Every structure is written in C-alpha cells, then in structure tokens.
C-alpha cells in the first residue's frame, strides 16, 4: 500500500490509497474520479487516461512502449512528462507518486 496524489485539471489535489499491482488509471477511476475516461479500459488503445508524471518519479517508471508512444504522439497536450496512466503499475517504489490529469484532446 501507499499513496497516489492526483491533481485535477482545475488544480485541486486528491490523495488516493494505492494498491500494489493496479494501474494508476484503475486507482484514479476506483476513487470515483471521472476526469480520466479510460475508454479502452486500460488496453493502451485510446490515450484518454493521459497524465503528467511529477519529474521526481519519472526515473522510477518503466520505459514507454511503442503503442503508448504512438498514442501520445497524436495528443496536442503531450510534453516531456506525459504518460498513459493505464501503463503505470503502482507498487511500493511509487509510494507518493504525483500525477496531473492532462487536458482532454
């Protein structure tokens, strides 16, 4: 267990209890937050779970795969800290992870 800090598009912050093995997308959606649409259900095929990862945690994430990179390529809101939250699996090393929900495309 650990915590995940999520900043909404409007700037409000919410602490979510993390559960090892679940994706950040699943944790956010499970908390009742509806800003993350996750239309594909976490299959890495839509990019509606786009978040910006705090730079302090960037080095702890697995490398981005080609599918995720291609999906983010079409986002007009992509920047250096962009990831799809369905591709980030929460675990002890990510305790305290901070993400911001990216604007919708």
Protein backbone atom coordinates (compact mmCIF):
# COMPACT_ATOMS: atom_id res chain seq x y z
CA UNK A 1 0.00 0.00 0.00
CA UNK A 2 0.99 3.59 -0.44
CA UNK A 3 -0.48 6.84 -1.67
CA UNK A 4 -1.02 8.47 -5.01
CA UNK A 5 -1.53 12.23 -5.28
CA UNK A 6 -3.69 13.30 -8.22
CA UNK A 7 -4.07 16.89 -9.36
CA UNK A 8 -7.22 17.57 -11.37
CA UNK A 9 -7.36 19.74 -14.47
CA UNK A 10 -8.78 22.51 -12.27
CA UNK A 11 -5.84 22.25 -9.86
CA UNK A 12 -7.44 20.53 -6.87
CA UNK A 13 -5.49 17.68 -5.32
CA UNK A 14 -6.71 14.35 -4.02
CA UNK A 15 -4.87 11.61 -2.13
CA UNK A 16 -5.75 8.08 -3.18
CA UNK A 17 -4.77 4.91 -1.37
CA UNK A 18 -2.59 2.88 -3.69
CA UNK A 19 -2.81 -0.87 -4.16
CA UNK A 20 0.13 -2.82 -5.47
CA UNK A 21 -0.40 -4.32 -8.90
CA UNK A 22 -3.17 -1.95 -10.03
CA UNK A 23 -2.57 0.64 -12.71
CA UNK A 24 -2.64 4.31 -11.82
CA UNK A 25 -5.65 4.58 -14.13
CA UNK A 26 -7.51 1.91 -12.13
CA UNK A 27 -6.67 3.65 -8.86
CA UNK A 28 -7.90 7.02 -10.12
CA UNK A 29 -11.11 5.59 -11.60
CA UNK A 30 -11.69 3.48 -8.48
CA UNK A 31 -11.60 6.63 -6.35
CA UNK A 32 -14.65 7.98 -8.17
CA UNK A 33 -12.66 10.48 -10.23
CA UNK A 34 -14.30 10.83 -13.64
CA UNK A 35 -11.74 13.12 -15.30
CA UNK A 36 -9.91 10.03 -16.53
CA UNK A 37 -12.22 8.48 -19.11
CA UNK A 38 -10.17 5.34 -19.87
CA UNK A 39 -12.45 4.49 -22.76
CA UNK A 40 -10.41 1.41 -23.71
CA UNK A 41 -10.44 0.08 -20.15
CA UNK A 42 -6.66 0.06 -19.88
CA UNK A 43 -5.78 -1.72 -23.14
CA UNK A 44 -3.43 1.07 -24.27
CA UNK A 45 -5.54 1.91 -27.29
CA UNK A 46 -7.14 5.32 -26.65
CA UNK A 47 -5.00 7.80 -24.62
CA UNK A 48 -7.98 9.05 -22.59
CA UNK A 49 -6.01 8.36 -19.39
CA UNK A 50 -3.19 10.81 -20.22
CA UNK A 51 -1.40 12.22 -17.17
CA UNK A 52 1.72 14.24 -16.44
CA UNK A 53 4.06 12.46 -14.03
CA UNK A 54 5.97 14.50 -11.46
CA UNK A 55 9.61 14.66 -12.53
CA UNK A 56 10.78 13.25 -9.16
CA UNK A 57 9.16 9.93 -10.11
CA UNK A 58 9.98 9.84 -13.81
CA UNK A 59 13.09 7.68 -13.39
CA UNK A 60 11.11 5.05 -11.44
CA UNK A 61 8.75 4.30 -14.32
CA UNK A 62 9.27 1.54 -16.86
CA UNK A 63 10.18 2.71 -20.36
CA UNK A 64 7.33 3.72 -22.62
CA UNK A 65 6.39 1.05 -25.16
CA UNK A 66 5.77 1.82 -28.85
CA UNK A 67 1.97 1.70 -28.55
CA UNK A 68 1.90 4.22 -25.71
CA UNK A 69 4.34 6.49 -27.54
CA UNK A 70 2.25 6.41 -30.72
CA UNK A 71 -0.95 7.23 -28.84
CA UNK A 72 0.68 10.17 -27.09
CA UNK A 73 2.14 11.42 -30.39
CA UNK A 74 -1.33 12.50 -31.53
CA UNK A 75 -2.07 14.47 -28.35
CA UNK A 76 -1.77 18.22 -28.65
CA UNK A 77 -1.06 18.25 -24.90
CA UNK A 78 1.92 15.89 -24.85
CA UNK A 79 5.04 17.07 -23.07
CA UNK A 80 8.17 15.55 -21.57
CA UNK A 81 6.35 14.14 -18.52
CA UNK A 82 3.40 12.61 -20.41
CA UNK A 83 2.38 9.01 -19.80
CA UNK A 84 -0.77 6.95 -20.07
CA UNK A 85 -1.89 6.10 -16.55
CA UNK A 86 -3.02 2.63 -17.68
CA UNK A 87 0.65 1.81 -18.32
CA UNK A 88 1.91 2.76 -14.86
CA UNK A 89 1.57 -0.11 -12.39
CA UNK A 90 1.51 1.07 -8.79
CA UNK A 91 3.85 -0.52 -6.27
CA UNK A 92 5.95 0.30 -3.22
CA UNK A 93 8.56 2.15 -5.28
CA UNK A 94 5.88 4.59 -6.44
CA UNK A 95 4.55 5.43 -2.97
CA UNK A 96 3.80 9.16 -3.01
CA UNK A 97 3.60 9.33 -6.82
CA UNK A 98 2.17 12.63 -8.04
CA UNK A 99 0.33 12.94 -11.34
CA UNK A 100 -1.70 15.68 -13.00
CA UNK A 101 -4.61 14.82 -15.29
CA UNK A 102 -3.77 16.17 -18.76
CA UNK A 103 -6.26 18.31 -20.68
CA UNK A 104 -8.64 16.47 -22.98
CA UNK A 105 -7.85 16.34 -26.68
